[in-house]
């Protein structure tokens, strides 16, 4: 009997030590944002699963914000702290669909220590297709997951999370951004810097991907797009909505036109304007979109462009002749679209 007990101790003691060490390290680095622990060795965080990470941040930590930012991966690069006078939280995540807006905003409202006054939403043209906006998706599965019993405890002894912890520790120790999206502990995204040759190669790859997957024959404007936005807005009657279009590079914009989507682009802007009363349009040839150095792949802009977006939005809708960003209403949309078409013609000359 004594030998059996000794065997059990010898066998399980190393396991306990290993699991304890893993749990302590996962807690210390916290790659899934379930604890409020900030230090020099966890200030670089991989974007593993932003839906889960940011939902954890809201659910498990103090959360008190009057402004919620929504959108796809492009909008993740908008610094929430750039909206001076607002206390904003960037809840944008990779590949967010317009069908997800409602549950994301609802979750932020339900777990907030103050009333949500406004939502700032970055919308993407390619997300207006049936392919990208018809599927009914929501945050509900993630809500259920993070509220499961012992959720945080299981994460502490997860080998996969331990691997992310190691990567985060290494990046933080070296103070380097080695991935295309890396967060600090204050929910601000940074991007790895690339040289001109890599940016050009990334852009060409993205152009071909959009030509093959999202534009041309694969694109069909969703006739219910406006309806979905209208339903979403009605479900949050006390929230002020500030809408902006995400600025893709002019090279990618030209690809969209070459594939026959200019009329769809114009319909999209009209629908968004009808629903929300106005939209800050950054998606047209301008001083930012013409410069490929503002993008690491012609599709995602660098964070400094996000600062420009925030600055323009803070200037308000009455600004005239802005070099980047035009506020479009139902009264001005015809003139604006004529200007865009003229800019497109000039690019061809």
Foldseek 3Di string as FASTA:
>chain_A
DVVVVVVVCVVCVVVVVVLVVLLVLCVQQVQLQQDQHADLQNFKHDPPDLLRSVLSNLARHAAAFQEEEEEAPQLLLQFQPLQPPGRYDYSYYHLDALLAVQQSVVSSQVSHPDHHAAYEYADELLCQFCVNHVDRDYSVVSVVQVPDPCNSVVLSRDPVSSVSSVVSSVCSVVVAAPAQWIHGSRSHTAGHDDDPVQLVVLQVVVLVCCLPDRFAPNGDGDPCSLVSLLVSCVVCVNYQYAYEYRAFAVVSVVSRVVSPCLVVVLVVLVSVQVRRQKYWYQHADFPQNPDSSQPSRSGHGGSVVSSVVSVVVSVDQPDPPDRGIHIDHPVCSVVVSVVRVVRSVVVVD
